[in-house]
Protein backbone atom coordinates (compact mmCIF):
# COMPACT_ATOMS: atom_id res chain seq x y z
CA MET A 1 2.19 10.35 -31.19
CA LYS A 2 -1.57 9.91 -31.01
CA LYS A 3 -2.09 7.95 -27.81
CA TYR A 4 -4.86 10.31 -26.81
CA LEU A 5 -6.60 10.17 -30.20
CA LEU A 6 -9.44 7.72 -30.61
CA PRO A 7 -9.84 7.23 -34.38
CA ALA A 8 -12.60 4.70 -33.87
CA VAL A 9 -14.83 7.51 -32.69
CA ALA A 10 -13.49 10.10 -35.10
CA VAL A 11 -16.92 11.24 -36.20
CA LEU A 12 -18.10 14.79 -36.46
CA PHE A 13 -19.22 16.25 -33.14
CA PHE A 14 -20.56 19.78 -33.15
CA SER A 15 -21.04 20.12 -29.42
CA CYS A 16 -17.98 21.12 -27.45
CA LYS A 17 -18.88 19.96 -23.96
CA GLU A 18 -16.32 18.36 -21.73
CA ASN A 19 -16.84 15.36 -19.46
CA LYS A 20 -14.79 14.38 -16.44
CA ASN A 21 -14.22 10.65 -16.32
CA GLN A 22 -15.25 9.72 -12.80
CA ASN A 23 -13.19 6.52 -12.71
CA THR A 24 -9.82 7.86 -13.85
CA SER A 25 -7.76 11.02 -13.72
CA GLU A 26 -8.29 11.55 -17.45
CA THR A 27 -10.38 14.33 -18.91
CA GLU A 28 -12.51 13.50 -21.92
CA VAL A 29 -12.93 16.33 -24.38
CA VAL A 30 -15.34 16.28 -27.31
CA THR A 31 -14.01 18.32 -30.22
CA LYS A 32 -15.53 18.96 -33.63
CA THR A 33 -13.57 16.08 -35.13
CA ASP A 34 -12.79 13.66 -32.37
CA THR A 35 -13.09 12.62 -28.76
CA ILE A 36 -9.77 12.80 -26.95
CA LYS A 37 -8.76 11.72 -23.49
CA LEU A 38 -6.27 14.03 -21.85
CA PRO A 39 -4.19 12.56 -19.02
CA ALA A 40 -3.86 14.32 -15.71
CA PRO A 41 -1.19 17.03 -15.78
CA ASP A 42 2.19 15.88 -14.50
CA GLU A 43 4.36 18.83 -13.52
CA LYS A 44 7.28 16.49 -12.81
CA GLY A 45 6.87 14.50 -16.02
CA ALA A 46 8.47 16.87 -18.49
CA LYS A 47 11.03 15.17 -20.74
CA ASN A 48 13.27 16.32 -23.58
CA LYS A 49 14.54 14.60 -26.69
CA PHE A 50 16.31 16.87 -29.14
CA SER A 51 16.66 15.93 -32.78
CA ASN A 52 20.01 15.88 -34.54
CA VAL A 53 19.76 17.36 -38.02
CA ILE A 54 21.85 15.42 -40.55
CA GLY A 55 20.53 17.04 -43.74
CA TRP A 56 19.12 15.45 -46.89
CA PRO A 57 21.43 13.25 -48.95
CA ALA A 58 21.63 13.98 -52.66
CA GLY A 59 18.69 12.47 -54.50
CA LYS A 60 16.62 11.90 -51.35
CA ALA A 61 13.35 13.70 -50.61
CA PRO A 62 10.39 13.54 -48.24
CA THR A 63 7.68 10.97 -48.95
CA ALA A 64 4.25 11.95 -50.27
CA PRO A 65 1.21 9.74 -51.02
CA GLU A 66 1.02 7.76 -54.25
CA GLY A 67 0.56 9.96 -57.30
CA PHE A 68 2.58 12.84 -55.87
CA THR A 69 6.15 13.88 -56.68
CA VAL A 70 8.46 15.81 -54.37
CA THR A 71 11.22 17.95 -55.88
CA ARG A 72 13.53 20.77 -54.82
CA PHE A 73 12.13 24.15 -55.80
CA ALA A 74 15.07 26.01 -54.22
CA GLU A 75 17.98 24.98 -51.99
CA ASN A 76 21.25 26.05 -50.38
CA ILE A 77 19.58 28.86 -48.45
CA LYS A 78 19.78 29.61 -44.74
CA SER A 79 16.62 28.91 -42.78
CA PRO A 80 13.65 29.41 -45.14
CA ARG A 81 10.67 29.86 -42.85
CA ASN A 82 7.64 31.43 -44.51
CA MET A 83 6.46 32.12 -48.08
CA ILE A 84 3.96 34.13 -50.08
CA GLN A 85 3.26 34.44 -53.81
CA ALA A 86 2.59 37.65 -55.73
CA ALA A 87 -0.08 37.96 -58.42
CA ASN A 88 2.59 37.71 -61.17
CA GLY A 89 3.90 34.41 -59.75
CA ASP A 90 6.93 35.70 -57.86
CA ILE A 91 7.66 33.61 -54.76
CA PHE A 92 8.94 35.45 -51.68
CA VAL A 93 10.75 33.36 -49.06
CA VAL A 94 11.68 34.85 -45.70
CA LEU A 95 14.97 33.69 -44.14
CA SER A 96 15.19 33.96 -40.37
CA ASN A 97 16.05 31.94 -37.30
CA SER A 98 16.15 32.24 -33.52
CA GLU A 99 18.98 34.21 -31.95
CA ARG A 100 19.64 33.17 -28.38
CA THR A 101 21.40 35.10 -25.69
CA LYS A 102 24.79 33.82 -24.54
CA THR A 103 23.19 32.24 -21.46
CA GLU A 104 20.49 30.57 -23.53
CA LYS A 105 23.08 29.29 -26.01
CA ILE A 106 25.22 27.71 -23.30
CA LYS A 107 22.15 26.09 -21.74
CA ASN A 108 20.89 24.75 -25.05
CA ASP A 109 24.32 23.55 -26.19
CA ILE A 110 24.44 21.41 -23.06
CA SER A 111 20.93 20.09 -23.59
CA GLY A 112 21.42 19.44 -27.29
CA LYS A 113 18.72 21.77 -28.54
CA SER A 114 21.15 23.81 -30.62
CA ASP A 115 21.79 20.73 -32.81
CA ALA A 116 18.12 20.75 -33.78
CA GLU A 117 18.00 24.34 -34.98
CA VAL A 118 19.58 26.72 -37.43
CA GLY A 119 22.39 28.44 -35.55
CA GLY A 120 24.20 31.73 -35.75
CA LYS A 121 22.90 35.15 -36.64
CA SER A 122 19.57 35.21 -38.43
CA ALA A 123 19.81 35.83 -42.19
CA ASN A 124 17.17 38.55 -41.80
CA ARG A 125 16.27 38.85 -45.45
CA ILE A 126 13.63 38.03 -48.03
CA ILE A 127 14.57 36.22 -51.25
CA LEU A 128 12.52 36.51 -54.45
CA TYR A 129 12.36 33.38 -56.63
CA ARG A 130 11.09 33.04 -60.18
CA ASP A 131 10.18 29.86 -62.00
CA THR A 132 9.94 31.40 -65.46
CA ASN A 133 9.58 28.19 -67.45
CA LYS A 134 7.10 26.66 -64.99
CA ASP A 135 9.10 23.45 -64.50
CA GLY A 136 8.85 23.52 -60.71
CA VAL A 137 12.42 24.75 -60.14
CA ALA A 138 13.32 28.38 -59.52
CA GLU A 139 15.60 29.63 -62.31
CA SER A 140 16.46 32.96 -60.72
CA SER A 141 16.68 34.52 -57.28
CA SER A 142 17.46 37.92 -55.85
CA VAL A 143 17.68 39.54 -52.44
CA PHE A 144 14.38 41.40 -52.33
CA LEU A 145 14.77 42.99 -48.90
CA ASP A 146 17.61 42.87 -46.38
CA ASN A 147 18.68 44.13 -42.95
CA LEU A 148 15.47 43.04 -41.24
CA ASN A 149 14.99 41.87 -37.64
CA GLN A 150 13.87 38.24 -37.49
CA PRO A 151 11.17 38.67 -40.14
CA TYR A 152 8.41 36.10 -40.61
CA GLY A 153 5.11 37.42 -41.95
CA MET A 154 4.82 39.01 -45.40
CA LEU A 155 1.85 40.58 -47.12
CA ILE A 156 1.14 42.50 -50.33
CA ILE A 157 -1.72 45.02 -50.41
CA LYS A 158 -1.89 46.97 -53.66
CA ASP A 159 1.30 49.05 -53.89
CA LYS A 160 2.53 48.17 -50.39
CA PHE A 161 4.73 45.30 -49.18
CA TYR A 162 4.37 44.51 -45.47
CA VAL A 163 6.90 42.69 -43.31
CA ALA A 164 6.40 41.56 -39.72
CA ASN A 165 9.71 41.67 -37.88
CA THR A 166 9.79 40.29 -34.36
CA ASP A 167 9.56 43.84 -32.97
CA GLY A 168 7.20 45.54 -35.40
CA LEU A 169 5.17 45.76 -38.58
CA TRP A 170 6.87 47.57 -41.45
CA VAL A 171 5.52 48.76 -44.79
CA TYR A 172 7.46 49.48 -48.00
CA PRO A 173 6.53 50.93 -51.40
CA TYR A 174 6.08 48.10 -53.90
CA LYS A 175 5.32 47.59 -57.57
CA GLU A 176 4.47 44.18 -58.98
CA GLY A 177 7.53 42.77 -60.70
CA ASP A 178 10.04 44.62 -58.55
CA THR A 179 13.08 42.45 -57.85
CA LYS A 180 14.34 44.56 -54.97
CA ILE A 181 12.98 47.07 -52.46
CA THR A 182 15.05 50.21 -52.82
CA GLN A 183 13.02 52.78 -50.88
CA ALA A 184 13.00 53.15 -47.12
CA GLY A 185 10.25 51.46 -45.18
CA LYS A 186 8.18 52.74 -42.27
CA LYS A 187 7.42 51.04 -39.00
CA ILE A 188 3.68 51.35 -38.44
CA VAL A 189 3.13 49.04 -35.43
CA ASP A 190 5.46 48.37 -32.51
CA LEU A 191 5.32 44.76 -31.34
CA PRO A 192 6.74 43.08 -28.22
CA ALA A 193 9.97 41.48 -29.41
CA GLY A 194 11.14 37.90 -28.98
CA GLY A 195 9.48 35.46 -26.65
CA TYR A 196 9.73 32.23 -24.69
CA ASN A 197 11.41 29.36 -26.50
CA ASN A 198 11.44 30.94 -29.94
CA HIS A 199 8.07 32.70 -29.83
CA TRP A 200 9.61 35.45 -31.94
CA THR A 201 7.62 34.84 -35.12
CA ARG A 202 5.05 37.46 -36.13
CA ASN A 203 2.82 36.32 -38.97
CA LEU A 204 0.51 38.39 -41.20
CA ILE A 205 -2.70 37.91 -43.14
CA ALA A 206 -5.24 40.36 -44.60
CA ASN A 207 -9.00 39.96 -44.90
CA LYS A 208 -10.74 39.57 -48.26
CA ASP A 209 -11.22 43.26 -49.00
CA GLN A 210 -7.78 44.06 -47.55
CA SER A 211 -9.25 46.53 -45.08
CA LYS A 212 -7.75 44.77 -42.04
CA ILE A 213 -4.43 43.12 -41.23
CA TYR A 214 -4.09 40.37 -38.63
CA ILE A 215 -0.83 39.87 -36.72
CA SER A 216 -0.04 36.76 -34.68
CA VAL A 217 2.01 37.35 -31.52
CA GLY A 218 3.17 34.48 -29.31
CA SER A 219 3.54 34.51 -25.54
CA GLY A 220 6.68 35.69 -23.79
CA SER A 221 6.68 32.76 -21.37
CA ASN A 222 5.43 29.22 -20.92
CA VAL A 223 2.50 29.94 -18.58
CA GLY A 224 2.98 33.57 -17.58
CA GLU A 225 5.60 32.69 -14.99
CA ASN A 226 7.35 36.05 -15.44
CA GLY A 227 4.21 37.97 -14.57
CA MET A 228 1.26 38.81 -16.81
CA GLU A 229 2.40 42.42 -16.96
CA TYR A 230 5.01 41.15 -19.43
CA GLU A 231 2.36 39.50 -21.61
CA VAL A 232 0.51 42.62 -22.72
CA ARG A 233 -0.56 42.22 -26.40
CA ARG A 234 0.98 38.73 -26.44
CA ALA A 235 -0.64 35.33 -26.96
CA ASN A 236 -3.09 37.09 -29.24
CA ILE A 237 -4.01 37.73 -32.82
CA LEU A 238 -4.12 41.49 -33.27
CA GLU A 239 -6.20 43.37 -35.83
CA VAL A 240 -5.02 46.67 -37.33
CA ASN A 241 -5.85 48.92 -40.27
CA PRO A 242 -3.44 48.90 -43.24
CA ASP A 243 -1.85 52.11 -41.93
CA GLY A 244 -1.24 50.50 -38.52
CA SER A 245 -3.99 52.35 -36.71
CA GLY A 246 -7.02 51.02 -34.86
CA GLU A 247 -5.35 48.11 -33.10
CA LYS A 248 -7.67 45.61 -31.42
CA ILE A 249 -7.27 42.15 -29.95
CA TYR A 250 -9.15 39.87 -32.33
CA GLY A 251 -8.58 36.54 -30.55
CA ALA A 252 -6.97 36.04 -27.12
CA GLY A 253 -5.47 33.26 -25.00
CA LEU A 254 -3.65 31.72 -27.99
CA ARG A 255 -0.28 30.72 -26.55
CA ASN A 256 1.72 30.81 -29.78
CA PRO A 257 -0.38 31.24 -32.92
CA VAL A 258 1.78 31.18 -36.06
CA GLY A 259 0.14 29.91 -39.27
CA MET A 260 -3.05 31.72 -40.30
CA SER A 261 -5.34 31.06 -43.25
CA TRP A 262 -8.91 31.83 -44.35
CA ASN A 263 -11.39 28.98 -44.49
CA PRO A 264 -12.42 29.06 -48.18
CA SER A 265 -15.96 27.85 -47.47
CA THR A 266 -16.90 29.99 -44.47
CA GLY A 267 -14.55 32.96 -44.70
CA GLU A 268 -13.48 32.41 -41.07
CA LEU A 269 -9.95 33.02 -39.86
CA TRP A 270 -8.17 29.83 -38.75
CA THR A 271 -4.84 29.39 -37.00
CA VAL A 272 -2.49 26.72 -35.65
CA VAL A 273 -1.29 27.13 -32.07
CA ASN A 274 1.68 25.73 -30.13
CA GLU A 275 0.48 24.89 -26.64
CA ARG A 276 2.32 24.90 -23.30
CA ASP A 277 5.14 22.74 -21.94
CA GLU A 278 6.08 20.86 -18.77
CA LEU A 279 2.85 18.97 -18.10
CA GLY A 280 4.00 15.65 -19.56
CA ASP A 281 4.40 13.93 -22.92
CA GLU A 282 0.70 14.02 -23.80
CA LEU A 283 -0.10 17.54 -22.64
CA VAL A 284 -0.99 19.90 -24.07
CA PRO A 285 -2.07 19.15 -27.67
CA ASP A 286 -1.18 21.75 -30.25
CA TYR A 287 -4.27 22.57 -32.26
CA LEU A 288 -5.93 23.93 -35.38
CA THR A 289 -8.90 26.16 -34.72
CA SER A 290 -11.21 28.78 -36.09
CA VAL A 291 -10.67 32.11 -34.37
CA LYS A 292 -13.87 33.67 -33.12
CA LYS A 293 -13.74 37.43 -32.68
CA ASP A 294 -13.32 38.57 -29.07
CA GLN A 295 -13.19 35.00 -27.77
CA PHE A 296 -10.72 33.43 -25.33
CA TYR A 297 -8.77 30.20 -25.91
CA GLY A 298 -7.35 29.56 -22.46
CA TRP A 299 -3.72 30.63 -22.15
CA PRO A 300 -2.32 30.67 -19.52
CA TYR A 301 -5.14 29.76 -17.13
CA ALA A 302 -6.72 26.81 -18.95
CA TYR A 303 -5.95 24.46 -21.80
CA PHE A 304 -8.03 22.64 -24.40
CA GLY A 305 -11.26 23.93 -23.00
CA LYS A 306 -11.94 24.38 -19.33
CA ASN A 307 -9.01 22.28 -18.09
CA GLU A 308 -7.38 24.50 -15.50
CA ASP A 309 -3.59 24.66 -15.55
CA PRO A 310 -2.44 23.58 -12.05
CA ARG A 311 0.23 26.27 -12.10
CA ARG A 312 -2.48 28.99 -12.37
CA LYS A 313 -5.13 27.26 -10.30
CA GLY A 314 -7.89 29.48 -8.92
CA GLU A 315 -6.54 32.71 -10.43
CA LYS A 316 -9.08 33.46 -13.16
CA PRO A 317 -12.18 31.25 -12.89
CA ASP A 318 -14.10 33.66 -15.12
CA LEU A 319 -11.62 33.19 -17.98
CA VAL A 320 -11.45 29.43 -17.43
CA ALA A 321 -15.23 29.31 -17.78
CA LYS A 322 -15.04 31.26 -21.06
CA THR A 323 -12.34 29.10 -22.64
CA ILE A 324 -13.24 27.69 -26.05
CA VAL A 325 -12.43 24.10 -27.02
CA PRO A 326 -10.33 24.28 -30.21
CA ASP A 327 -11.52 22.50 -33.32
CA VAL A 328 -8.79 19.96 -34.13
CA PRO A 329 -6.07 18.50 -31.83
CA LEU A 330 -2.72 18.12 -33.62
CA GLY A 331 -0.70 16.10 -31.12
CA SER A 332 1.23 17.33 -28.11
CA HIS A 333 4.53 19.14 -28.76
CA THR A 334 4.34 18.71 -32.55
CA ALA A 335 5.26 22.39 -33.03
CA SER A 336 2.61 22.98 -35.67
CA LEU A 337 3.63 26.20 -37.44
CA GLY A 338 2.62 26.43 -41.10
CA LEU A 339 -0.99 26.52 -42.33
CA THR A 340 -2.74 26.82 -45.66
CA PHE A 341 -6.14 25.75 -46.92
CA TYR A 342 -5.97 23.97 -50.25
CA THR A 343 -8.15 25.60 -52.92
CA GLY A 344 -6.36 24.41 -56.06
CA ASN A 345 -7.44 21.88 -58.67
CA GLN A 346 -4.21 19.90 -59.09
CA PHE A 347 -4.58 17.61 -56.06
CA PRO A 348 -7.27 14.89 -55.80
CA GLU A 349 -10.72 16.02 -54.72
CA LYS A 350 -10.34 14.75 -51.15
CA TYR A 351 -7.81 17.52 -50.49
CA LYS A 352 -10.10 20.31 -51.70
CA ASN A 353 -10.67 22.96 -49.01
CA GLY A 354 -8.70 20.92 -46.47
CA ALA A 355 -5.83 22.26 -44.35
CA PHE A 356 -2.13 21.50 -44.73
CA ILE A 357 -0.02 22.03 -41.59
CA GLY A 358 3.76 22.21 -41.28
CA GLN A 359 4.78 20.41 -38.07
CA HIS A 360 8.32 21.47 -37.16
CA GLY A 361 8.64 18.65 -34.65
CA SER A 362 9.11 18.12 -30.93
CA TRP A 363 12.05 18.58 -28.60
CA ASN A 364 10.12 18.64 -25.31
CA ARG A 365 8.91 15.04 -25.28
CA SER A 366 10.46 11.62 -24.66
CA SER A 367 10.08 10.59 -28.31
CA LEU A 368 10.00 12.58 -31.54
CA VAL A 369 6.60 13.64 -32.89
CA GLY A 370 5.64 15.98 -35.68
CA TYR A 371 8.38 16.30 -38.31
CA GLN A 372 5.85 16.14 -41.13
CA VAL A 373 3.30 18.06 -43.13
CA ALA A 374 -0.09 16.97 -41.84
CA PHE A 375 -3.48 17.23 -43.52
CA VAL A 376 -6.91 17.84 -42.00
CA PRO A 377 -9.89 17.05 -44.26
CA PHE A 378 -12.79 19.52 -44.40
CA ALA A 379 -16.38 19.22 -45.59
CA ASN A 380 -18.87 22.07 -45.78
CA GLY A 381 -16.42 24.41 -44.09
CA LYS A 382 -15.85 22.20 -41.03
CA ALA A 383 -13.08 19.77 -40.15
CA SER A 384 -14.40 16.31 -41.02
CA GLY A 385 -11.78 14.11 -39.38
CA PRO A 386 -8.56 14.03 -37.34
CA TYR A 387 -5.22 15.08 -38.78
CA GLN A 388 -3.30 12.59 -40.89
CA PRO A 389 0.24 12.35 -42.30
CA PHE A 390 0.77 13.82 -45.77
CA LEU A 391 4.46 14.61 -46.30
CA THR A 392 6.67 12.35 -44.18
CA GLY A 393 10.17 10.86 -44.12
CA PHE A 394 11.81 13.75 -42.25
CA ILE A 395 12.89 11.43 -39.41
CA ALA A 396 15.96 9.39 -40.42
CA ASN A 397 16.40 7.40 -37.19
CA GLU A 398 13.88 7.91 -34.42
CA GLU A 399 15.91 6.03 -31.80
CA LYS A 400 19.00 8.14 -32.39
CA GLY A 401 16.95 11.27 -32.96
CA ASP A 402 18.43 11.85 -36.42
CA VAL A 403 16.29 13.91 -38.77
CA TYR A 404 16.87 15.05 -42.34
CA GLY A 405 14.90 18.27 -41.96
CA ARG A 406 12.08 20.12 -40.22
CA PRO A 407 9.12 21.56 -42.19
CA VAL A 408 7.76 25.00 -41.33
CA GLY A 409 5.80 27.14 -43.80
CA VAL A 410 3.42 25.66 -46.37
CA LEU A 411 2.11 27.54 -49.40
CA GLN A 412 -0.25 26.57 -52.19
CA ILE A 413 0.91 28.35 -55.34
CA ALA A 414 -0.95 29.31 -58.51
CA ASP A 415 -0.40 26.04 -60.38
CA GLY A 416 -1.97 24.08 -57.51
CA SER A 417 1.24 22.56 -56.18
CA LEU A 418 2.39 22.93 -52.58
CA LEU A 419 5.65 24.52 -51.41
CA VAL A 420 7.14 23.45 -48.08
CA ALA A 421 9.92 25.41 -46.34
CA ASP A 422 12.40 23.09 -44.60
CA ASP A 423 14.38 25.52 -42.48
CA VAL A 424 17.16 23.37 -41.03
CA SER A 425 18.07 21.81 -44.37
CA GLY A 426 17.83 25.05 -46.35
CA ILE A 427 15.43 23.60 -48.92
CA VAL A 428 12.04 24.64 -50.29
CA TRP A 429 10.26 21.49 -51.46
CA ARG A 430 7.60 21.37 -54.16
CA VAL A 431 4.87 18.75 -53.90
CA ALA A 432 2.92 18.17 -57.12
CA HIS A 433 0.35 15.64 -58.28
CA SER A 434 0.36 13.91 -61.64
CA LYS A 435 -3.18 13.45 -62.85
CA LYS A 436 -3.86 10.38 -64.97
């Protein structure tokens, strides 16, 4: 999974220059946490290996480091993807999954991809969970909001509850403690619906004073092969006012940004990005990065800095030259989706202010990678080392491709524990630490 990582030189670099290795076809890239060697792109080297989801046996759970316990917060739900917590402790879990066209379904049934995903019509609802006695298991649940359109992002600002469907941002009247939305909502931002290979998720986050909302929108193609006229407002993080007005592109060239979180030390916006396909097993690394306002991160013309995509060669040299090297490589095709910075006091000190990342796992690679919750340590607001496994055990049999589940959203809740949404198994896991 990490053939291109060089842990022996995993020291903190704060220059982001790139160096072409004159003796090989590799490109050496210096990031803020590591030096990685990217192989030459291989347009004929794309391979697939789809996982086969077998579900979790009774009594079995993912594996966390010593001192942690992993339990089922909620289960028997269809495709939990993303989560937020209200000030009163209510946990909102969005249920949604990809919905393929008939042609896509036939194609993916043949290839085996459908066995790796939640099938059928998306649940399209938000469930509210309450753990009243604080034992780490939800005692009650209710359908908070229904009849949505592939929802993903959720956000509470004062007396408003926001939902990002795949085709738009909606706002509803809300009062803390409500168990169900009963009043009609209003669509305040139209968004380009759907996208290439499940880029239908639209995530949400607000800034500290709640004066701005940020919306992540993935690309509609792999590398713009359908024409860039179809990519307007895509592969970006958009910024809007709480009423939906004043839309701006905050960060661009982000192929499929999903998880977003605020760096607790610097106040910067960070995101995890799924990079492009069909350039080989080790290209292109997904990544975790700070998002600089009005900056460009490469898609579709360049990747991981100024490495020009051969399929867009010579088209936009000005944008290639502007491309920023992302902060932390997360492995190629790991499908890194969930993101939260840990600010609680329950976990050991080494996790403080670090980033937890839900890696849904590969399908477009010759062997399975991802299928874990990863952790990136931070010090003084900057990533201080490469990513490392945290919650593992999702792969049951790598050779056969059998997996128990696939983690997506990650959420630190008020008691300092971590919730992990496992969409294909229909479980929300709780990871807690027992201090001695």
